[in-house]
Amino acid sequence: GFIPHAINLNCMATPEGELFLSCSACPSKYWSSHVGPEEPGRL
């Protein structure tokens, strides 16, 4: 919405160096419903 929201998550990189976040049971989580395409964030 209009406020920052920060959480702890699994993050992992592939051998090629690609970065991913892991999200189990994601549809029920608050943060994931606020991530649209090309969503800006901070890690």
Full PDB file with SEQRES, HELIX, SHEET, SSBOND, CRYST1, ORIGX, SCALE, CONECT and MASTER records, all heavy atoms in Angstrom:
SEQRES   1 A   43  GLY PHE ILE PRO HIS ALA ILE ASN LEU ASN CYS MET ALA          
SEQRES   2 A   43  THR PRO GLU GLY GLU LEU PHE LEU SER CYS SER ALA CYS          
SEQRES   3 A   43  PRO SER LYS TYR TRP SER SER HIS VAL GLY PRO GLU GLU          
SEQRES   4 A   43  PRO GLY ARG LEU                                              
HELIX    1 AA1 CYS A   26  SER A   28  5                                   3    
HELIX    2 AA2 TRP A   31  HIS A   34  5                                   4    
SHEET    1 AA1 2 CYS A  11  ALA A  13  0                                        
SHEET    2 AA1 2 LEU A  19  LEU A  21 -1                                        
SSBOND   1 CYS A   23    CYS A   26                          1555   1555  1.96  
CRYST1    1.000    1.000    1.000  90.00  90.00  90.00 P 1           1          
ORIGX1      1.000000  0.000000  0.000000        0.00000                         
ORIGX2      0.000000  1.000000  0.000000        0.00000                         
ORIGX3      0.000000  0.000000  1.000000        0.00000                         
SCALE1      1.000000  0.000000  0.000000        0.00000                         
SCALE2      0.000000  1.000000  0.000000        0.00000                         
SCALE3      0.000000  0.000000  1.000000        0.00000                         
ATOM      1  N   GLY A   1       0.854  -1.176   0.000  1.00  0.00           N  
ATOM      2  CA  GLY A   1       0.000   0.000   0.000  1.00  0.00           C  
ATOM      3  C   GLY A   1       0.890   1.226   0.000  1.00  0.00           C  
ATOM      4  O   GLY A   1       1.734   1.388  -0.868  1.00  0.00           O  
ATOM      5  N   PHE A   2       0.766   2.048   1.015  1.00  0.00           N  
ATOM      6  CA  PHE A   2       1.572   3.270   1.073  1.00  0.00           C  
ATOM      7  C   PHE A   2       2.686   3.208   2.111  1.00  0.00           C  
ATOM      8  O   PHE A   2       3.407   4.182   2.298  1.00  0.00           O  
ATOM      9  CB  PHE A   2       0.670   4.487   1.337  1.00  0.00           C  
ATOM     10  CG  PHE A   2      -0.042   4.437   2.653  1.00  0.00           C  
ATOM     11  CD1 PHE A   2       0.508   5.031   3.773  1.00  0.00           C  
ATOM     12  CD2 PHE A   2      -1.266   3.792   2.773  1.00  0.00           C  
ATOM     13  CE1 PHE A   2      -0.133   4.975   4.995  1.00  0.00           C  
ATOM     14  CE2 PHE A   2      -1.912   3.735   3.993  1.00  0.00           C  
ATOM     15  CZ  PHE A   2      -1.347   4.337   5.109  1.00  0.00           C  
ATOM     16  N   ILE A   3       2.863   2.073   2.782  1.00  0.00           N  
ATOM     17  CA  ILE A   3       3.921   1.979   3.794  1.00  0.00           C  
ATOM     18  C   ILE A   3       4.887   0.851   3.467  1.00  0.00           C  
ATOM     19  O   ILE A   3       4.511  -0.143   2.848  1.00  0.00           O  
ATOM     20  CB  ILE A   3       3.340   1.757   5.212  1.00  0.00           C  
ATOM     21  CG1 ILE A   3       2.554   0.450   5.279  1.00  0.00           C  
ATOM     22  CG2 ILE A   3       2.495   2.924   5.663  1.00  0.00           C  
ATOM     23  CD1 ILE A   3       2.174   0.038   6.671  1.00  0.00           C  
ATOM     24  N   PRO A   4       6.143   0.986   3.881  1.00  0.00           N  
ATOM     25  CA  PRO A   4       7.107  -0.106   3.693  1.00  0.00           C  
ATOM     26  C   PRO A   4       6.754  -1.304   4.575  1.00  0.00           C  
ATOM     27  O   PRO A   4       6.201  -1.147   5.665  1.00  0.00           O  
ATOM     28  CB  PRO A   4       8.437   0.506   4.125  1.00  0.00           C  
ATOM     29  CG  PRO A   4       8.219   1.967   4.167  1.00  0.00           C  
ATOM     30  CD  PRO A   4       6.761   2.179   4.434  1.00  0.00           C  
ATOM     31  N   HIS A   5       7.069  -2.479   4.098  1.00  0.00           N  
ATOM     32  CA  HIS A   5       6.813  -3.727   4.820  1.00  0.00           C  
ATOM     33  C   HIS A   5       8.026  -4.621   4.601  1.00  0.00           C  
ATOM     34  O   HIS A   5       8.358  -4.942   3.457  1.00  0.00           O  
ATOM     35  CB  HIS A   5       5.546  -4.385   4.269  1.00  0.00           C  
ATOM     36  CG  HIS A   5       5.163  -5.647   4.953  1.00  0.00           C  
ATOM     37  ND1 HIS A   5       4.508  -5.662   6.167  1.00  0.00           N  
ATOM     38  CD2 HIS A   5       5.326  -6.945   4.609  1.00  0.00           C  
ATOM     39  CE1 HIS A   5       4.288  -6.916   6.532  1.00  0.00           C  
ATOM     40  NE2 HIS A   5       4.781  -7.712   5.597  1.00  0.00           N  
ATOM     41  N   ALA A   6       8.698  -5.010   5.666  1.00  0.00           N  
ATOM     42  CA  ALA A   6       9.918  -5.812   5.561  1.00  0.00           C  
ATOM     43  C   ALA A   6       9.729  -7.148   6.280  1.00  0.00           C  
ATOM     44  O   ALA A   6       9.127  -7.199   7.347  1.00  0.00           O  
ATOM     45  CB  ALA A   6      11.099  -5.054   6.151  1.00  0.00           C  
ATOM     46  N   ILE A   7      10.286  -8.205   5.675  1.00  0.00           N  
ATOM     47  CA  ILE A   7      10.183  -9.545   6.251  1.00  0.00           C  
ATOM     48  C   ILE A   7      11.467 -10.326   6.012  1.00  0.00           C  
ATOM     49  O   ILE A   7      12.277  -9.956   5.171  1.00  0.00           O  
ATOM     50  CB  ILE A   7       8.993 -10.331   5.656  1.00  0.00           C  
ATOM     51  CG1 ILE A   7       9.117 -10.392   4.139  1.00  0.00           C  
ATOM     52  CG2 ILE A   7       7.666  -9.759   6.066  1.00  0.00           C  
ATOM     53  CD1 ILE A   7       8.180 -11.358   3.476  1.00  0.00           C  
ATOM     54  N   ASN A   8      11.614 -11.404   6.755  1.00  0.00           N  
ATOM     55  CA  ASN A   8      12.701 -12.364   6.551  1.00  0.00           C  
ATOM     56  C   ASN A   8      12.201 -13.454   5.604  1.00  0.00           C  
ATOM     57  O   ASN A   8      11.084 -13.947   5.767  1.00  0.00           O  
ATOM     58  CB  ASN A   8      13.089 -13.032   7.876  1.00  0.00           C  
ATOM     59  CG  ASN A   8      13.746 -12.077   8.829  1.00  0.00           C  
ATOM     60  OD1 ASN A   8      14.531 -11.238   8.431  1.00  0.00           O  
ATOM     61  ND2 ASN A   8      13.418 -12.191  10.102  1.00  0.00           N  
ATOM     62  N   LEU A   9      13.034 -13.812   4.651  1.00  0.00           N  
ATOM     63  CA  LEU A   9      12.667 -14.855   3.687  1.00  0.00           C  
ATOM     64  C   LEU A   9      13.892 -15.683   3.316  1.00  0.00           C  
ATOM     65  O   LEU A   9      15.017 -15.206   3.392  1.00  0.00           O  
ATOM     66  CB  LEU A   9      12.158 -14.233   2.385  1.00  0.00           C  
ATOM     67  CG  LEU A   9      10.738 -13.726   2.331  1.00  0.00           C  
ATOM     68  CD1 LEU A   9      10.483 -13.066   0.992  1.00  0.00           C  
ATOM     69  CD2 LEU A   9       9.740 -14.833   2.547  1.00  0.00           C  
ATOM     70  N   ASN A  10      13.607 -16.906   2.839  1.00  0.00           N  
ATOM     71  CA  ASN A  10      14.664 -17.677   2.195  1.00  0.00           C  
ATOM     72  C   ASN A  10      15.020 -16.982   0.890  1.00  0.00           C  
ATOM     73  O   ASN A  10      14.142 -16.563   0.143  1.00  0.00           O  
ATOM     74  CB  ASN A  10      14.163 -19.078   1.833  1.00  0.00           C  
ATOM     75  CG  ASN A  10      14.277 -20.048   2.965  1.00  0.00           C  
ATOM     76  OD1 ASN A  10      15.166 -19.929   3.782  1.00  0.00           O  
ATOM     77  ND2 ASN A  10      13.378 -21.006   2.995  1.00  0.00           N  
ATOM     78  N   CYS A  11      16.279 -16.846   0.651  1.00  0.00           N  
ATOM     79  CA  CYS A  11      16.746 -16.366  -0.644  1.00  0.00           C  
ATOM     80  C   CYS A  11      17.822 -17.343  -1.083  1.00  0.00           C  
ATOM     81  O   CYS A  11      18.493 -17.963  -0.268  1.00  0.00           O  
ATOM     82  CB  CYS A  11      17.293 -14.948  -0.546  1.00  0.00           C  
ATOM     83  SG  CYS A  11      18.722 -14.810   0.528  1.00  0.00           S  
ATOM     84  N   MET A  12      17.923 -17.511  -2.380  1.00  0.00           N  
ATOM     85  CA  MET A  12      18.912 -18.462  -2.883  1.00  0.00           C  
ATOM     86  C   MET A  12      19.342 -18.049  -4.271  1.00  0.00           C  
ATOM     87  O   MET A  12      18.593 -17.405  -4.997  1.00  0.00           O  
ATOM     88  CB  MET A  12      18.362 -19.886  -2.891  1.00  0.00           C  
ATOM     89  CG  MET A  12      17.075 -20.075  -3.643  1.00  0.00           C  
ATOM     90  SD  MET A  12      15.686 -19.674  -2.579  1.00  0.00           S  
ATOM     91  CE  MET A  12      14.331 -19.950  -3.677  1.00  0.00           C  
ATOM     92  N   ALA A  13      20.559 -18.420  -4.586  1.00  0.00           N  
ATOM     93  CA  ALA A  13      21.104 -18.132  -5.913  1.00  0.00           C  
ATOM     94  C   ALA A  13      21.394 -19.439  -6.623  1.00  0.00           C  
ATOM     95  O   ALA A  13      21.837 -20.412  -6.012  1.00  0.00           O  
ATOM     96  CB  ALA A  13      22.378 -17.301  -5.795  1.00  0.00           C  
ATOM     97  N   THR A  14      21.158 -19.424  -7.903  1.00  0.00           N  
ATOM     98  CA  THR A  14      21.486 -20.578  -8.741  1.00  0.00           C  
ATOM     99  C   THR A  14      22.991 -20.573  -8.996  1.00  0.00           C  
ATOM    100  O   THR A  14      23.662 -19.560  -8.742  1.00  0.00           O  
ATOM    101  CB  THR A  14      20.746 -20.492 -10.095  1.00  0.00           C  
ATOM    102  OG1 THR A  14      21.212 -19.330 -10.788  1.00  0.00           O  
ATOM    103  CG2 THR A  14      19.240 -20.432  -9.901  1.00  0.00           C  
ATOM    104  N   PRO A  15      23.544 -21.651  -9.521  1.00  0.00           N  
ATOM    105  CA  PRO A  15      24.975 -21.651  -9.858  1.00  0.00           C  
ATOM    106  C   PRO A  15      25.346 -20.540 -10.855  1.00  0.00           C  
ATOM    107  O   PRO A  15      26.473 -20.074 -10.875  1.00  0.00           O  
ATOM    108  CB  PRO A  15      25.201 -23.039 -10.467  1.00  0.00           C  
ATOM    109  CG  PRO A  15      24.150 -23.899  -9.844  1.00  0.00           C  
ATOM    110  CD  PRO A  15      22.944 -22.992  -9.680  1.00  0.00           C  
ATOM    111  N   GLU A  16      24.378 -20.082 -11.632  1.00  0.00           N  
ATOM    112  CA  GLU A  16      24.627 -18.993 -12.588  1.00  0.00           C  
ATOM    113  C   GLU A  16      24.534 -17.612 -11.938  1.00  0.00           C  
ATOM    114  O   GLU A  16      24.769 -16.605 -12.599  1.00  0.00           O  
ATOM    115  CB  GLU A  16      23.619 -19.066 -13.748  1.00  0.00           C  
ATOM    116  CG  GLU A  16      23.700 -20.327 -14.571  1.00  0.00           C  
ATOM    117  CD  GLU A  16      23.051 -21.543 -13.891  1.00  0.00           C  
ATOM    118  OE1 GLU A  16      22.099 -21.372 -13.098  1.00  0.00           O  
ATOM    119  OE2 GLU A  16      23.531 -22.662 -14.139  1.00  0.00           O  
ATOM    120  N   GLY A  17      24.181 -17.572 -10.651  1.00  0.00           N  
ATOM    121  CA  GLY A  17      24.109 -16.295  -9.937  1.00  0.00           C  
ATOM    122  C   GLY A  17      22.759 -15.610  -9.962  1.00  0.00           C  
ATOM    123  O   GLY A  17      22.625 -14.465  -9.527  1.00  0.00           O  
ATOM    124  N   GLU A  18      21.704 -16.298 -10.442  1.00  0.00           N  
ATOM    125  CA  GLU A  18      20.353 -15.724 -10.417  1.00  0.00           C  
ATOM    126  C   GLU A  18      19.837 -15.730  -8.984  1.00  0.00           C  
ATOM    127  O   GLU A  18      20.075 -16.679  -8.242  1.00  0.00           O  
ATOM    128  CB  GLU A  18      19.395 -16.563 -11.256  1.00  0.00           C  
ATOM    129  CG  GLU A  18      19.711 -16.655 -12.715  1.00  0.00           C  
ATOM    130  CD  GLU A  18      18.792 -17.659 -13.386  1.00  0.00           C  
ATOM    131  OE1 GLU A  18      18.990 -18.882 -13.168  1.00  0.00           O  
ATOM    132  OE2 GLU A  18      17.885 -17.223 -14.101  1.00  0.00           O  
ATOM    133  N   LEU A  19      19.092 -14.696  -8.600  1.00  0.00           N  
ATOM    134  CA  LEU A  19      18.587 -14.552  -7.235  1.00  0.00           C  
ATOM    135  C   LEU A  19      17.087 -14.808  -7.183  1.00  0.00           C  
ATOM    136  O   LEU A  19      16.332 -14.261  -7.984  1.00  0.00           O  
ATOM    137  CB  LEU A  19      18.883 -13.146  -6.711  1.00  0.00           C  
ATOM    138  CG  LEU A  19      18.330 -12.779  -5.334  1.00  0.00           C  
ATOM    139  CD1 LEU A  19      18.892 -13.693  -4.247  1.00  0.00           C  
ATOM    140  CD2 LEU A  19      18.646 -11.322  -5.029  1.00  0.00           C  
ATOM    141  N   PHE A  20      16.684 -15.641  -6.211  1.00  0.00           N  
ATOM    142  CA  PHE A  20      15.275 -15.976  -6.026  1.00  0.00           C  
ATOM    143  C   PHE A  20      14.899 -15.880  -4.547  1.00  0.00           C  
ATOM    144  O   PHE A  20      15.735 -16.090  -3.668  1.00  0.00           O  
ATOM    145  CB  PHE A  20      14.989 -17.404  -6.509  1.00  0.00           C  
ATOM    146  CG  PHE A  20      15.160 -17.585  -7.982  1.00  0.00           C  
ATOM    147  CD1 PHE A  20      16.371 -18.027  -8.496  1.00  0.00           C  
ATOM    148  CD2 PHE A  20      14.122 -17.306  -8.858  1.00  0.00           C  
ATOM    149  CE1 PHE A  20      16.543 -18.196  -9.864  1.00  0.00           C  
ATOM    150  CE2 PHE A  20      14.293 -17.464 -10.225  1.00  0.00           C  
ATOM    151  CZ  PHE A  20      15.500 -17.916 -10.733  1.00  0.00           C  
ATOM    152  N   LEU A  21      13.629 -15.600  -4.303  1.00  0.00           N  
ATOM    153  CA  LEU A  21      13.037 -15.674  -2.967  1.00  0.00           C  
ATOM    154  C   LEU A  21      12.121 -16.878  -2.940  1.00  0.00           C  
ATOM    155  O   LEU A  21      11.464 -17.190  -3.930  1.00  0.00           O  
ATOM    156  CB  LEU A  21      12.215 -14.425  -2.659  1.00  0.00           C  
ATOM    157  CG  LEU A  21      12.949 -13.107  -2.585  1.00  0.00           C  
ATOM    158  CD1 LEU A  21      11.950 -11.979  -2.350  1.00  0.00           C  
ATOM    159  CD2 LEU A  21      13.989 -13.123  -1.481  1.00  0.00           C  
ATOM    160  N   SER A  22      12.052 -17.517  -1.787  1.00  0.00           N  
ATOM    161  CA  SER A  22      11.209 -18.684  -1.596  1.00  0.00           C  
ATOM    162  C   SER A  22       9.963 -18.286  -0.826  1.00  0.00           C  
ATOM    163  O   SER A  22      10.041 -17.523   0.126  1.00  0.00           O  
ATOM    164  CB  SER A  22      11.995 -19.732  -0.808  1.00  0.00           C  
ATOM    165  OG  SER A  22      11.215 -20.865  -0.584  1.00  0.00           O  
ATOM    166  N   CYS A  23       8.813 -18.828  -1.230  1.00  0.00           N  
ATOM    167  CA  CYS A  23       7.569 -18.486  -0.539  1.00  0.00           C  
ATOM    168  C   CYS A  23       6.642 -19.688  -0.499  1.00  0.00           C  
ATOM    169  O   CYS A  23       6.001 -20.027  -1.491  1.00  0.00           O  
ATOM    170  CB  CYS A  23       6.902 -17.307  -1.248  1.00  0.00           C  
ATOM    171  SG  CYS A  23       5.488 -16.649  -0.350  1.00  0.00           S  
ATOM    172  N   SER A  24       6.568 -20.325   0.661  1.00  0.00           N  
ATOM    173  CA  SER A  24       5.642 -21.432   0.862  1.00  0.00           C  
ATOM    174  C   SER A  24       4.317 -20.865   1.373  1.00  0.00           C  
ATOM    175  O   SER A  24       4.300 -19.899   2.119  1.00  0.00           O  
ATOM    176  CB  SER A  24       6.203 -22.411   1.889  1.00  0.00           C  
ATOM    177  OG  SER A  24       7.410 -22.958   1.417  1.00  0.00           O  
ATOM    178  N   ALA A  25       3.215 -21.472   0.968  1.00  0.00           N  
ATOM    179  CA  ALA A  25       1.875 -21.008   1.338  1.00  0.00           C  
ATOM    180  C   ALA A  25       1.716 -19.509   1.036  1.00  0.00           C  
ATOM    181  O   ALA A  25       1.133 -18.758   1.794  1.00  0.00           O  
ATOM    182  CB  ALA A  25       1.587 -21.309   2.809  1.00  0.00           C  
ATOM    183  N   CYS A  26       2.249 -19.107  -0.071  1.00  0.00           N  
ATOM    184  CA  CYS A  26       2.338 -17.693  -0.425  1.00  0.00           C  
ATOM    185  C   CYS A  26       0.991 -16.978  -0.586  1.00  0.00           C  
ATOM    186  O   CYS A  26       0.875 -15.820  -0.204  1.00  0.00           O  
ATOM    187  CB  CYS A  26       3.189 -17.535  -1.680  1.00  0.00           C  
ATOM    188  SG  CYS A  26       4.177 -16.041  -1.681  1.00  0.00           S  
ATOM    189  N   PRO A  27      -0.033 -17.628  -1.126  1.00  0.00           N  
ATOM    190  CA  PRO A  27      -1.294 -16.896  -1.282  1.00  0.00           C  
ATOM    191  C   PRO A  27      -1.868 -16.363   0.038  1.00  0.00           C  
ATOM    192  O   PRO A  27      -2.591 -15.385   0.050  1.00  0.00           O  
ATOM    193  CB  PRO A  27      -2.245 -17.921  -1.903  1.00  0.00           C  
ATOM    194  CG  PRO A  27      -1.354 -18.894  -2.584  1.00  0.00           C  
ATOM    195  CD  PRO A  27      -0.110 -18.952  -1.738  1.00  0.00           C  
ATOM    196  N   SER A  28      -1.503 -17.001   1.142  1.00  0.00           N  
ATOM    197  CA  SER A  28      -2.033 -16.570   2.444  1.00  0.00           C  
ATOM    198  C   SER A  28      -1.166 -15.514   3.120  1.00  0.00           C  
ATOM    199  O   SER A  28      -1.500 -15.042   4.199  1.00  0.00           O  
ATOM    200  CB  SER A  28      -2.160 -17.778   3.371  1.00  0.00           C  
ATOM    201  OG  SER A  28      -0.873 -18.291   3.669  1.00  0.00           O  
ATOM    202  N   LYS A  29      -0.081 -15.117   2.507  1.00  0.00           N  
ATOM    203  CA  LYS A  29       0.837 -14.170   3.136  1.00  0.00           C  
ATOM    204  C   LYS A  29       0.547 -12.742   2.681  1.00  0.00           C  
ATOM    205  O   LYS A  29       0.268 -12.485   1.516  1.00  0.00           O  
ATOM    206  CB  LYS A  29       2.283 -14.558   2.844  1.00  0.00           C  
ATOM    207  CG  LYS A  29       2.582 -15.905   3.480  1.00  0.00           C  
ATOM    208  CD  LYS A  29       4.007 -16.270   3.426  1.00  0.00           C  
ATOM    209  CE  LYS A  29       4.186 -17.592   4.187  1.00  0.00           C  
ATOM    210  NZ  LYS A  29       5.409 -18.227   3.889  1.00  0.00           N  
ATOM    211  N   TYR A  30       0.615 -11.837   3.628  1.00  0.00           N  
ATOM    212  CA  TYR A  30       0.298 -10.433   3.384  1.00  0.00           C  
ATOM    213  C   TYR A  30       1.184  -9.811   2.317  1.00  0.00           C  
ATOM    214  O   TYR A  30       0.709  -9.158   1.400  1.00  0.00           O  
ATOM    215  CB  TYR A  30       0.433  -9.665   4.709  1.00  0.00           C  
ATOM    216  CG  TYR A  30       0.222  -8.188   4.584  1.00  0.00           C  
ATOM    217  CD1 TYR A  30      -1.059  -7.667   4.475  1.00  0.00           C  
ATOM    218  CD2 TYR A  30       1.301  -7.305   4.576  1.00  0.00           C  
ATOM    219  CE1 TYR A  30      -1.260  -6.300   4.356  1.00  0.00           C  
ATOM    220  CE2 TYR A  30       1.108  -5.947   4.458  1.00  0.00           C  
ATOM    221  CZ  TYR A  30      -0.182  -5.450   4.354  1.00  0.00           C  
ATOM    222  OH  TYR A  30      -0.375  -4.109   4.226  1.00  0.00           O  
ATOM    223  N   TRP A  31       2.477 -10.016   2.429  1.00  0.00           N  
ATOM    224  CA  TRP A  31       3.422  -9.308   1.561  1.00  0.00           C  
ATOM    225  C   TRP A  31       3.273  -9.702   0.104  1.00  0.00           C  
ATOM    226  O   TRP A  31       3.386  -8.873  -0.795  1.00  0.00           O  
ATOM    227  CB  TRP A  31       4.859  -9.518   2.031  1.00  0.00           C  
ATOM    228  CG  TRP A  31       5.398 -10.887   1.748  1.00  0.00           C  
ATOM    229  CD1 TRP A  31       5.285 -11.995   2.535  1.00  0.00           C  
ATOM    230  CD2 TRP A  31       6.115 -11.296   0.582  1.00  0.00           C  
ATOM    231  NE1 TRP A  31       5.895 -13.063   1.938  1.00  0.00           N  
ATOM    232  CE2 TRP A  31       6.417 -12.662   0.736  1.00  0.00           C  
ATOM    233  CE3 TRP A  31       6.545 -10.643  -0.566  1.00  0.00           C  
ATOM    234  CZ2 TRP A  31       7.108 -13.392  -0.211  1.00  0.00           C  
ATOM    235  CZ3 TRP A  31       7.237 -11.367  -1.524  1.00  0.00           C  
ATOM    236  CH2 TRP A  31       7.512 -12.729  -1.338  1.00  0.00           C  
ATOM    237  N   SER A  32       3.042 -10.999  -0.161  1.00  0.00           N  
ATOM    238  CA  SER A  32       3.046 -11.476  -1.547  1.00  0.00           C  
ATOM    239  C   SER A  32       1.916 -10.886  -2.380  1.00  0.00           C  
ATOM    240  O   SER A  32       2.056 -10.718  -3.590  1.00  0.00           O  
ATOM    241  CB  SER A  32       2.995 -12.994  -1.593  1.00  0.00           C  
ATOM    242  OG  SER A  32       1.794 -13.464  -1.003  1.00  0.00           O  
ATOM    243  N   SER A  33       0.813 -10.543  -1.739  1.00  0.00           N  
ATOM    244  CA  SER A  33      -0.301  -9.950  -2.488  1.00  0.00           C  
ATOM    245  C   SER A  33       0.000  -8.520  -2.926  1.00  0.00           C  
ATOM    246  O   SER A  33      -0.722  -7.959  -3.739  1.00  0.00           O  
ATOM    247  CB  SER A  33      -1.584  -9.983  -1.651  1.00  0.00           C  
ATOM    248  OG  SER A  33      -1.452  -9.150  -0.517  1.00  0.00           O  
ATOM    249  N   HIS A  34       1.052  -7.928  -2.398  1.00  0.00           N  
ATOM    250  CA  HIS A  34       1.433  -6.565  -2.759  1.00  0.00           C  
ATOM    251  C   HIS A  34       2.579  -6.504  -3.765  1.00  0.00           C  
ATOM    252  O   HIS A  34       3.077  -5.434  -4.066  1.00  0.00           O  
ATOM    253  CB  HIS A  34       1.807  -5.776  -1.490  1.00  0.00           C  
ATOM    254  CG  HIS A  34       0.625  -5.489  -0.633  1.00  0.00           C  
ATOM    255  ND1 HIS A  34       0.175  -6.360   0.326  1.00  0.00           N  
ATOM    256  CD2 HIS A  34      -0.218  -4.438  -0.616  1.00  0.00           C  
ATOM    257  CE1 HIS A  34      -0.883  -5.858   0.908  1.00  0.00           C  
ATOM    258  NE2 HIS A  34      -1.146  -4.692   0.359  1.00  0.00           N  
ATOM    259  N   VAL A  35       3.005  -7.649  -4.260  1.00  0.00           N  
ATOM    260  CA  VAL A  35       4.084  -7.678  -5.240  1.00  0.00           C  
ATOM    261  C   VAL A  35       3.482  -7.797  -6.636  1.00  0.00           C  
ATOM    262  O   VAL A  35       2.905  -8.819  -6.984  1.00  0.00           O  
ATOM    263  CB  VAL A  35       5.063  -8.847  -4.983  1.00  0.00           C  
ATOM    264  CG1 VAL A  35       6.121  -8.914  -6.077  1.00  0.00           C  
ATOM    265  CG2 VAL A  35       5.708  -8.702  -3.619  1.00  0.00           C  
ATOM    266  N   GLY A  36       3.614  -6.729  -7.394  1.00  0.00           N  
ATOM    267  CA  GLY A  36       3.150  -6.735  -8.771  1.00  0.00           C  
ATOM    268  C   GLY A  36       4.322  -6.960  -9.709  1.00  0.00           C  
ATOM    269  O   GLY A  36       5.461  -7.137  -9.276  1.00  0.00           O  
ATOM    270  N   PRO A  37       4.070  -6.927 -11.006  1.00  0.00           N  
ATOM    271  CA  PRO A  37       5.171  -7.056 -11.967  1.00  0.00           C  
ATOM    272  C   PRO A  37       6.151  -5.893 -11.819  1.00  0.00           C  
ATOM    273  O   PRO A  37       5.743  -4.756 -11.574  1.00  0.00           O  
ATOM    274  CB  PRO A  37       4.476  -7.007 -13.327  1.00  0.00           C  
ATOM    275  CG  PRO A  37       3.027  -7.209 -13.056  1.00  0.00           C  
ATOM    276  CD  PRO A  37       2.780  -6.811 -11.644  1.00  0.00           C  
ATOM    277  N   GLU A  38       7.427  -6.209 -11.920  1.00  0.00           N  
ATOM    278  CA  GLU A  38       8.482  -5.187 -11.829  1.00  0.00           C  
ATOM    279  C   GLU A  38       8.378  -4.377 -10.530  1.00  0.00           C  
ATOM    280  O   GLU A  38       8.544  -3.164 -10.514  1.00  0.00           O  
ATOM    281  CB  GLU A  38       8.447  -4.247 -13.041  1.00  0.00           C  
ATOM    282  CG  GLU A  38       8.730  -4.934 -14.360  1.00  0.00           C  
ATOM    283  CD  GLU A  38      10.159  -5.462 -14.458  1.00  0.00           C  
ATOM    284  OE1 GLU A  38      11.096  -4.669 -14.273  1.00  0.00           O  
ATOM    285  OE2 GLU A  38      10.329  -6.666 -14.717  1.00  0.00           O  
ATOM    286  N   GLU A  39       8.105  -5.082  -9.438  1.00  0.00           N  
ATOM    287  CA  GLU A  39       7.918  -4.438  -8.127  1.00  0.00           C  
ATOM    288  C   GLU A  39       9.262  -3.970  -7.562  1.00  0.00           C  
ATOM    289  O   GLU A  39      10.174  -4.773  -7.386  1.00  0.00           O  
ATOM    290  CB  GLU A  39       7.285  -5.433  -7.155  1.00  0.00           C  
ATOM    291  CG  GLU A  39       6.960  -4.863  -5.804  1.00  0.00           C  
ATOM    292  CD  GLU A  39       5.796  -3.899  -5.846  1.00  0.00           C  
ATOM    293  OE1 GLU A  39       4.887  -4.065  -6.678  1.00  0.00           O  
ATOM    294  OE2 GLU A  39       5.796  -2.969  -5.022  1.00  0.00           O  
ATOM    295  N   PRO A  40       9.394  -2.684  -7.255  1.00  0.00           N  
ATOM    296  CA  PRO A  40      10.634  -2.224  -6.632  1.00  0.00           C  
ATOM    297  C   PRO A  40      10.695  -2.685  -5.177  1.00  0.00           C  
ATOM    298  O   PRO A  40       9.674  -2.803  -4.505  1.00  0.00           O  
ATOM    299  CB  PRO A  40      10.542  -0.697  -6.724  1.00  0.00           C  
ATOM    300  CG  PRO A  40       9.093  -0.402  -6.883  1.00  0.00           C  
ATOM    301  CD  PRO A  40       8.460  -1.605  -7.525  1.00  0.00           C  
ATOM    302  N   GLY A  41      11.882  -2.962  -4.719  1.00  0.00           N  
ATOM    303  CA  GLY A  41      12.067  -3.388  -3.345  1.00  0.00           C  
ATOM    304  C   GLY A  41      13.492  -3.150  -2.899  1.00  0.00           C  
ATOM    305  O   GLY A  41      14.313  -2.576  -3.628  1.00  0.00           O  
ATOM    306  N   ARG A  42      13.776  -3.590  -1.686  1.00  0.00           N  
ATOM    307  CA  ARG A  42      15.114  -3.494  -1.119  1.00  0.00           C  
ATOM    308  C   ARG A  42      15.429  -4.824  -0.459  1.00  0.00           C  
ATOM    309  O   ARG A  42      14.589  -5.403   0.211  1.00  0.00           O  
ATOM    310  CB  ARG A  42      15.178  -2.359  -0.092  1.00  0.00           C  
ATOM    311  CG  ARG A  42      15.038  -0.987  -0.720  1.00  0.00           C  
ATOM    312  CD  ARG A  42      14.680   0.094   0.282  1.00  0.00           C  
ATOM    313  NE  ARG A  42      15.555   0.229   1.417  1.00  0.00           N  
ATOM    314  CZ  ARG A  42      16.529   1.131   1.534  1.00  0.00           C  
ATOM    315  NH1 ARG A  42      16.747   1.989   0.566  1.00  0.00           N  
ATOM    316  NH2 ARG A  42      17.258   1.200   2.622  1.00  0.00           N  
ATOM    317  N   LEU A  43      16.640  -5.287  -0.644  1.00  0.00           N  
ATOM    318  CA  LEU A  43      17.118  -6.532  -0.058  1.00  0.00           C  
ATOM    319  C   LEU A  43      18.253  -6.186   0.888  1.00  0.00           C  
ATOM    320  O   LEU A  43      19.154  -5.435   0.510  1.00  0.00           O  
ATOM    321  CB  LEU A  43      17.622  -7.458  -1.171  1.00  0.00           C  
ATOM    322  CG  LEU A  43      18.224  -8.780  -0.747  1.00  0.00           C  
ATOM    323  CD1 LEU A  43      17.108  -9.758  -0.418  1.00  0.00           C  
ATOM    324  CD2 LEU A  43      19.086  -9.334  -1.866  1.00  0.00           C  
TER     325      LEU A  43                                                      
CONECT  171  188                                                                
CONECT  188  171                                                                
MASTER        0    0    0    2    2    0    0    6  324    1    2    4          
END                                                                             
